[in-house]
Each structure stands twice: as C-alpha cells, then as structure tokens.
Amino acid sequence: MSLAELRGGWLAALGDRPRRIVFADGADPRVLRAAERLAGSAVTPLLLGRTEEVVASAAEAAVPLDRLHVLDTGELVRDGAYGDVIAAAVHGRPDAADCLTDELYLATAAVRLGDAAGAVVGSARPTADAVRAALRTIGLADGVHTLSSSFLMVLPDGRTFGFGDCAVVPEPDAEQLADIARATSITFETLTRRRAVVAMLSFSTMGSARHPSVDRVRAATAMLRAREPGLDVDGELQFDAAVIESIARSKARDSTVAGHANVLVFPNLDAGNIGYKITERLAGAVALGPILQGLAAPVNDLSRGCSAEDVETVGLITAMQATSAHATSPLRHAVHPSA
C-alpha cells in the first residue's frame, strides 16, 4: 500500500464527519499551505496564532483564508476556561506564568476543552516541549501508564509495518514495553485498517539465549497477553524470525506470529531508532512519525524541518487517531479572517 493509497484510505475512513485539528503554528507558511489543502476534506484545520500575523503570512504565501479558521491567541489567553486548564496543568512549576501564553499549551488546552479533536504542534519547537505540554494538559488515556511513539513504515513494495518505540522511551521496563506494544498495535490498526500481528523483538528467539533483557521481553509479552487476550502477539523473537516465514518455520515453528508480524516492538530506544533509520535509508521506506500514542487525545509533533506535505500527512494521521472522539462542542473564538 503506497502513501497515496494510505492517504486516500484515511480520507475515505474519515468520511463526512470532519475532525477539528488545531495547528499550533498557524502563521507558519508550511502549516498554512497544508491547512488550505486539508480544508474541505475530512479535516477542519484551526490555525492558532495572532490573527494579524496569520493574515500577513497567508498573504505573503498566497494562501487563501476563506475556508480556514483562526484561533486568536489573544482571545484564548483572555478566556477563563483556557486559563484554568493551563493553570491546573502547570500549578507550582517555575514556568507556570509563561505557559499561560504559550501556543503549545493553548493548542493542547483547545483539545482538552473539546474545541479540537487533536493537535499538531512543534514545527518551530523541540519535541520535548511538545511532549511536556501534552502530558501536562491532556494526560494519558485511562489504563495507560506510558507515553510512547511509533513509526508507520511504508516499504517500496507496498508493505507496511508499525515500529515502536523509536523516539520516546529510552529503556522501557516490562510494563512499559507492554504499553508500547499495545499502543503501537492500536496505531497500526487505526492507520492501515489491518489486524495487528505483534512481534516482541530481541536478539533471542524462544529461549535461544539468556539475558536480563530477554527476560524483560518475555515478561512484557506475558503481561500483554493477559491484558489483551484477543491480540495476536508473541515473543521473544529475532527480527528475521518475526518477518520471514522460512526462518520462522525453523526457529519458531509453533508461533502464529513468527514470519507474519507487521508490528515490531523493539526492546529499547537504541534498537528502535536505529532500526527505523536503517529501514528508511537502506530499504527506501517512507517513515511516518514519530506518532505519539497513549495520550487521552491525539497530539503529534512535527519536525522543525518539515514540509507542507509532512504537515498535511500528520494532520490526517491526527484526525484518524481522533476518529473515536471527534470534537462536537461549539467552536468558540474562531474567525474567518477573510470574511
């Protein structure tokens, strides 16, 4: 399945119920171009920023604003509900006063208050700032104890894989690994509409080696099976046993996952980060992510070197993650600058 086919599938899945997605850097020309392309589809982009700055930037970039909404930061700062949400999220922290006017916090507060179903942030900020704002303001979903990430890897031959975690948790313990595996399987199924087949990766396959890291992967596999009995998961598995059927027959004959895995859970961040970059650079895969997962509502971070197409894709991914909880509250403060 190509990226174009994936995007077409997302638009079809979203259908005629547009999800309101707030973009924290509303005056960024890349965000403006992406928002203009998304408008009228299954995404209603909300551009967060000072209205006059958004209008000026749009004029310079030749982006029409007639189909776009702007959430003016000044209006939001004066809104008591936004102030209350952010103040509660940062109470007692040394940066509390600055957070009240920070666009990352205003964007995540819009999600918390139901003005948006998800947020796309970070085109001009470090990932750590985006993660911090999302955790403080939105928090983790019920039953989740770990914020993690995954990449959707689209290979040149059309195969797709979920890789987790490649960007957030450096040395996960067994419970965190189980959380990462569950979240990555949900992300994969949401974006591909395919059933997840989850391999818990290691340098060992089914007891072929002994090491504390192998024990951790086994423990995580057992935890996940107990929590999600309907999930097809197995481990520990070496990479080749997980994805190559002929090798699986010799290394893990009785496994229903081995040789068929499409979700690969790495034992730590070293392996995950290296693994996705090898797949991207040597195998020519398209790497979509990092996709944040585990939050009570979707927030995704952009690379500071992103393109308008990247922003558009992340907006669609965020809308897909929000499919089960799209915003239905009245849209407060939004204006059509060109009206």
Protein backbone atom coordinates (compact mmCIF):
# COMPACT_ATOMS: atom_id res chain seq x y z
CA MET A 1 0.00 0.00 0.00
CA SER A 2 1.57 3.29 -1.10
CA LEU A 3 1.46 6.53 0.86
CA ALA A 4 -1.05 7.91 -1.66
CA GLU A 5 -3.27 4.87 -1.12
CA LEU A 6 -2.97 5.22 2.64
CA ARG A 7 -3.96 8.89 2.47
CA GLY A 8 -6.91 8.05 0.24
CA GLY A 9 -7.99 5.41 2.72
CA TRP A 10 -7.78 7.87 5.60
CA LEU A 11 -9.95 10.38 3.76
CA ALA A 12 -12.49 7.66 2.97
CA ALA A 13 -12.49 6.41 6.57
CA LEU A 14 -12.97 9.90 7.96
CA GLY A 15 -15.90 10.37 5.61
CA ASP A 16 -18.23 13.32 6.02
CA ARG A 17 -17.59 13.95 9.73
CA PRO A 18 -14.71 16.45 9.72
CA ARG A 19 -12.40 16.37 12.73
CA ARG A 20 -11.28 19.73 14.02
CA ILE A 21 -7.49 19.68 14.31
CA VAL A 22 -5.64 22.64 15.80
CA PHE A 23 -2.26 23.60 14.35
CA ALA A 24 -0.16 25.43 16.94
CA ASP A 25 1.98 27.35 14.44
CA GLY A 26 -0.80 28.94 12.44
CA ALA A 27 1.36 31.63 10.82
CA ASP A 28 3.97 29.17 9.54
CA PRO A 29 3.75 29.14 5.71
CA ARG A 30 4.11 25.34 5.68
CA VAL A 31 1.18 24.98 8.07
CA LEU A 32 -0.89 27.45 6.04
CA ARG A 33 -0.33 25.54 2.80
CA ALA A 34 -1.17 22.23 4.46
CA ALA A 35 -4.29 23.66 6.10
CA GLU A 36 -5.52 25.08 2.79
CA ARG A 37 -5.19 21.62 1.19
CA LEU A 38 -6.92 19.91 4.11
CA ALA A 39 -9.82 22.36 4.30
CA GLY A 40 -12.96 20.96 2.77
CA SER A 41 -11.82 17.38 3.31
CA ALA A 42 -12.38 15.32 6.43
CA VAL A 43 -10.27 17.74 8.46
CA THR A 44 -11.27 21.20 9.64
CA PRO A 45 -7.95 22.97 10.33
CA LEU A 46 -7.83 25.51 13.16
CA LEU A 47 -4.86 27.87 12.85
CA LEU A 48 -3.61 29.02 16.23
CA GLY A 49 -1.86 32.38 16.25
CA ARG A 50 -2.38 36.12 16.31
CA THR A 51 -4.93 36.85 13.61
CA GLU A 52 -2.94 39.71 12.09
CA GLU A 53 0.19 37.55 11.85
CA VAL A 54 -1.72 34.66 10.24
CA VAL A 55 -3.32 37.05 7.72
CA ALA A 56 0.03 38.65 6.84
CA SER A 57 1.78 35.31 6.46
CA ALA A 58 -1.05 33.90 4.34
CA ALA A 59 -0.91 36.92 2.03
CA GLU A 60 2.85 36.50 1.60
CA ALA A 61 2.45 32.77 0.89
CA ALA A 62 -0.54 33.38 -1.44
CA VAL A 63 -2.76 31.10 0.65
CA PRO A 64 -6.47 32.00 0.62
CA LEU A 65 -8.09 32.08 4.05
CA ASP A 66 -11.76 31.91 3.06
CA ARG A 67 -12.09 28.23 4.14
CA LEU A 68 -9.83 28.45 7.19
CA HIS A 69 -10.50 29.23 10.85
CA VAL A 70 -8.12 31.12 13.10
CA LEU A 71 -8.00 30.72 16.86
CA ASP A 72 -6.57 34.03 18.00
CA THR A 73 -4.06 33.55 20.81
CA GLY A 74 -5.05 36.82 22.45
CA GLU A 75 -8.68 35.67 22.66
CA LEU A 76 -7.67 32.33 24.12
CA VAL A 77 -5.38 33.92 26.72
CA ARG A 78 -8.32 36.03 27.90
CA ASP A 79 -10.64 33.00 28.03
CA GLY A 80 -11.04 31.90 31.64
CA ALA A 81 -11.59 28.26 30.68
CA TYR A 82 -8.26 28.09 28.86
CA GLY A 83 -6.51 29.82 31.71
CA ASP A 84 -7.99 27.41 34.24
CA VAL A 85 -6.93 24.33 32.27
CA ILE A 86 -3.37 25.54 31.80
CA ALA A 87 -3.03 26.83 35.35
CA ALA A 88 -4.11 23.46 36.74
CA ALA A 89 -1.71 21.66 34.43
CA VAL A 90 1.35 23.70 35.45
CA HIS A 91 0.48 24.58 39.05
CA GLY A 92 3.57 25.06 41.17
CA ARG A 93 6.01 24.81 38.28
CA PRO A 94 8.61 27.54 37.77
CA ASP A 95 7.49 28.14 34.17
CA ALA A 96 3.78 28.39 35.05
CA ALA A 97 3.36 32.07 34.11
CA ASP A 98 4.97 31.58 30.68
CA CYS A 99 2.80 28.54 29.95
CA LEU A 100 -0.39 30.61 30.17
CA THR A 101 0.53 32.34 26.89
CA ASP A 102 2.47 29.50 25.26
CA GLU A 103 0.97 28.32 21.94
CA LEU A 104 1.78 24.68 22.75
CA TYR A 105 -0.30 24.90 25.92
CA LEU A 106 -3.08 26.86 24.23
CA ALA A 107 -3.26 24.22 21.48
CA THR A 108 -3.39 21.30 23.90
CA ALA A 109 -5.91 23.16 26.06
CA ALA A 110 -8.13 23.51 22.95
CA VAL A 111 -8.11 19.70 22.74
CA ARG A 112 -8.76 19.30 26.46
CA LEU A 113 -11.74 21.67 26.25
CA GLY A 114 -13.22 20.00 23.16
CA ASP A 115 -12.65 22.87 20.75
CA ALA A 116 -10.47 20.48 18.75
CA ALA A 117 -10.24 16.70 18.47
CA GLY A 118 -6.45 16.73 18.20
CA ALA A 119 -3.41 18.96 17.84
CA VAL A 120 -0.42 19.21 15.51
CA VAL A 121 2.43 21.13 17.09
CA GLY A 122 6.16 21.68 17.08
CA SER A 123 7.17 23.00 13.65
CA ALA A 124 9.23 25.60 15.50
CA ARG A 125 9.79 23.92 18.87
CA PRO A 126 11.75 20.93 20.26
CA THR A 127 9.90 17.63 20.69
CA ALA A 128 10.48 17.70 24.45
CA ASP A 129 8.43 20.92 24.73
CA ALA A 130 5.55 19.39 22.79
CA VAL A 131 5.56 16.17 24.83
CA ARG A 132 5.69 18.10 28.09
CA ALA A 133 2.71 20.29 27.16
CA ALA A 134 0.65 17.31 26.00
CA LEU A 135 1.33 15.27 29.14
CA ARG A 136 0.61 18.16 31.47
CA THR A 137 -2.52 19.44 29.76
CA ILE A 138 -4.15 16.32 28.27
CA GLY A 139 -2.54 13.46 30.15
CA LEU A 140 -2.53 9.74 29.45
CA ALA A 141 -5.55 7.70 28.43
CA ASP A 142 -7.30 5.58 31.04
CA GLY A 143 -5.35 2.41 31.78
CA VAL A 144 -2.19 3.70 30.05
CA HIS A 145 0.95 4.39 32.06
CA THR A 146 3.40 5.16 29.27
CA LEU A 147 3.59 7.84 26.61
CA SER A 148 5.35 6.30 23.62
CA SER A 149 5.69 6.65 19.88
CA SER A 150 5.65 4.60 16.74
CA PHE A 151 6.51 4.97 13.08
CA LEU A 152 4.38 3.67 10.25
CA MET A 153 6.94 2.35 7.78
CA VAL A 154 5.79 2.16 4.15
CA LEU A 155 8.15 0.00 2.06
CA PRO A 156 8.66 0.47 -1.70
CA ASP A 157 6.88 -2.85 -2.34
CA GLY A 158 3.78 -1.59 -0.53
CA ARG A 159 4.20 -3.49 2.72
CA THR A 160 3.52 -1.51 5.89
CA PHE A 161 4.89 -2.07 9.39
CA GLY A 162 4.43 -0.44 12.75
CA PHE A 163 7.71 0.21 14.61
CA GLY A 164 7.66 1.11 18.31
CA ASP A 165 9.12 2.76 20.31
CA CYS A 166 11.61 4.73 18.22
CA ALA A 167 11.55 8.20 19.79
CA VAL A 168 10.38 8.50 23.41
CA VAL A 169 11.21 5.79 26.00
CA PRO A 170 14.97 5.03 26.23
CA GLU A 171 14.99 1.91 28.42
CA PRO A 172 11.47 0.57 28.91
CA ASP A 173 10.78 -1.91 31.68
CA ALA A 174 8.46 -4.86 31.08
CA GLU A 175 5.27 -2.95 31.86
CA GLN A 176 6.32 -0.07 29.62
CA LEU A 177 7.15 -2.50 26.81
CA ALA A 178 3.67 -4.00 27.13
CA ASP A 179 2.16 -0.49 26.96
CA ILE A 180 4.27 0.35 23.90
CA ALA A 181 3.21 -2.86 22.14
CA ARG A 182 -0.47 -2.30 22.83
CA ALA A 183 -0.34 1.35 21.74
CA THR A 184 1.63 0.56 18.59
CA SER A 185 -0.86 -2.14 17.61
CA ILE A 186 -3.72 0.36 18.02
CA THR A 187 -1.90 2.98 15.93
CA PHE A 188 -1.13 0.41 13.23
CA GLU A 189 -4.72 -0.85 13.02
CA THR A 190 -6.11 2.70 13.04
CA LEU A 191 -3.92 3.81 10.13
CA THR A 192 -3.89 0.66 7.98
CA ARG A 193 -7.26 -0.95 8.77
CA ARG A 194 -5.36 -4.22 9.08
CA ARG A 195 -5.20 -6.58 12.05
CA ALA A 196 -2.01 -6.15 14.06
CA VAL A 197 0.33 -9.14 14.37
CA VAL A 198 2.80 -8.16 17.07
CA ALA A 199 6.37 -9.41 17.47
CA MET A 200 8.27 -8.55 20.66
CA LEU A 201 11.80 -8.31 19.29
CA SER A 202 15.04 -9.48 20.91
CA PHE A 203 18.40 -10.95 19.98
CA SER A 204 16.91 -14.26 21.14
CA THR A 205 14.13 -16.41 19.69
CA MET A 206 12.08 -18.59 22.03
CA GLY A 207 14.79 -19.15 24.60
CA SER A 208 17.77 -19.41 22.26
CA ALA A 209 19.71 -17.04 24.56
CA ARG A 210 19.69 -15.99 28.20
CA HIS A 211 19.99 -12.40 29.37
CA PRO A 212 18.05 -9.97 31.62
CA SER A 213 16.92 -8.04 28.53
CA VAL A 214 15.46 -11.25 27.08
CA ASP A 215 13.65 -11.91 30.36
CA ARG A 216 12.18 -8.38 30.17
CA VAL A 217 10.78 -9.02 26.68
CA ARG A 218 9.27 -12.33 27.80
CA ALA A 219 7.67 -10.70 30.83
CA ALA A 220 6.22 -7.91 28.67
CA THR A 221 4.78 -10.49 26.28
CA ALA A 222 3.10 -12.34 29.14
CA MET A 223 1.67 -9.08 30.55
CA LEU A 224 0.27 -8.06 27.18
CA ARG A 225 -1.32 -11.45 26.57
CA ALA A 226 -3.04 -11.24 29.96
CA ARG A 227 -4.30 -7.70 29.30
CA GLU A 228 -5.27 -8.20 25.64
CA PRO A 229 -6.19 -11.86 25.09
CA GLY A 230 -7.52 -11.08 21.61
CA LEU A 231 -4.25 -9.57 20.40
CA ASP A 232 -2.00 -11.76 18.25
CA VAL A 233 1.37 -11.29 19.98
CA ASP A 234 4.44 -13.42 20.53
CA GLY A 235 7.98 -13.07 21.82
CA GLU A 236 10.76 -13.10 22.23
CA LEU A 237 11.56 -13.20 18.51
CA GLN A 238 14.56 -12.19 16.46
CA PHE A 239 13.80 -9.88 13.57
CA ASP A 240 14.27 -12.49 10.86
CA ALA A 241 12.06 -14.99 12.67
CA ALA A 242 9.39 -12.32 13.04
CA VAL A 243 9.10 -11.38 9.37
CA ILE A 244 10.49 -14.22 7.20
CA GLU A 245 8.29 -17.27 7.02
CA SER A 246 11.00 -19.76 6.05
CA ILE A 247 13.14 -18.75 9.03
CA ALA A 248 10.13 -18.78 11.32
CA ARG A 249 9.47 -22.41 10.42
CA SER A 250 12.88 -23.41 11.77
CA LYS A 251 13.14 -21.02 14.73
CA ALA A 252 9.55 -20.71 15.98
CA ARG A 253 7.52 -23.45 14.34
CA ASP A 254 4.54 -23.21 16.69
CA SER A 255 4.19 -19.42 16.65
CA THR A 256 1.25 -17.85 14.79
CA VAL A 257 3.13 -14.51 14.76
CA ALA A 258 6.56 -15.61 13.54
CA GLY A 259 7.02 -14.97 9.84
CA HIS A 260 3.86 -12.82 9.68
CA ALA A 261 4.49 -9.89 12.04
CA ASN A 262 3.51 -6.40 10.92
CA VAL A 263 4.04 -4.63 14.25
CA LEU A 264 7.60 -4.78 15.57
CA VAL A 265 8.25 -3.77 19.19
CA PHE A 266 11.90 -3.03 19.88
CA PRO A 267 13.46 -3.79 23.28
CA ASN A 268 14.82 -0.25 23.76
CA LEU A 269 15.18 3.11 22.05
CA ASP A 270 18.64 2.35 20.70
CA ALA A 271 17.29 -0.60 18.71
CA GLY A 272 14.10 1.16 17.64
CA ASN A 273 15.73 4.37 16.46
CA ILE A 274 18.50 2.54 14.61
CA GLY A 275 16.02 0.07 13.15
CA TYR A 276 13.66 2.59 11.64
CA LYS A 277 16.51 4.65 10.18
CA ILE A 278 18.11 1.59 8.57
CA THR A 279 14.74 0.69 7.06
CA GLU A 280 14.25 4.24 5.82
CA ARG A 281 17.73 4.87 4.45
CA LEU A 282 18.76 1.47 3.10
CA ALA A 283 15.41 -0.09 2.21
CA GLY A 284 13.92 3.16 0.85
CA ALA A 285 10.92 3.09 3.19
CA VAL A 286 8.79 6.15 3.93
CA ALA A 287 8.84 6.73 7.69
CA LEU A 288 5.67 8.38 9.01
CA GLY A 289 6.25 9.61 12.53
CA PRO A 290 7.08 9.72 15.29
CA ILE A 291 3.39 9.31 16.06
CA LEU A 292 2.71 9.98 19.73
CA GLN A 293 0.49 7.40 21.40
CA GLY A 294 -1.02 6.77 24.80
CA LEU A 295 -2.49 10.25 25.34
CA ALA A 296 -6.14 10.78 26.22
CA ALA A 297 -6.49 12.70 22.93
CA PRO A 298 -4.11 12.84 19.98
CA VAL A 299 -1.25 15.31 19.80
CA ASN A 300 1.52 14.94 17.23
CA ASP A 301 4.83 16.70 16.91
CA LEU A 302 6.35 18.00 13.68
CA SER A 303 9.99 18.04 12.74
CA ARG A 304 11.34 21.57 12.54
CA GLY A 305 12.50 20.69 9.03
CA CYS A 306 9.04 19.51 7.93
CA SER A 307 7.48 20.30 4.56
CA ALA A 308 3.89 21.36 3.89
CA GLU A 309 3.19 17.80 2.71
CA ASP A 310 4.56 16.46 6.02
CA VAL A 311 2.22 18.79 7.94
CA GLU A 312 -0.73 17.66 5.84
CA THR A 313 0.07 13.99 6.43
CA VAL A 314 0.46 14.48 10.19
CA GLY A 315 -2.85 16.35 10.23
CA LEU A 316 -4.57 13.38 8.58
CA ILE A 317 -2.90 10.93 10.97
CA THR A 318 -4.05 13.00 13.94
CA ALA A 319 -7.59 13.07 12.58
CA MET A 320 -7.51 9.29 12.18
CA GLN A 321 -6.36 8.88 15.80
CA ALA A 322 -9.29 11.08 16.83
CA THR A 323 -11.91 9.06 14.97
CA SER A 324 -13.44 7.68 18.15
CA ALA A 325 -13.70 11.06 19.87
CA HIS A 326 -14.07 13.95 17.44
CA ALA A 327 -14.94 17.37 18.84
CA THR A 328 -18.64 18.16 18.95
CA SER A 329 -18.69 21.26 21.19
CA PRO A 330 -19.44 24.67 19.67
CA LEU A 331 -16.34 26.25 18.17
CA ARG A 332 -15.53 29.27 20.32
CA HIS A 333 -13.40 32.25 19.25
CA ALA A 334 -12.73 31.01 15.71
CA VAL A 335 -12.86 33.64 12.99
CA HIS A 336 -12.69 33.64 9.20
CA PRO A 337 -10.05 36.32 8.63
CA SER A 338 -11.13 36.97 5.06
CA ALA A 339 -14.83 37.37 5.90
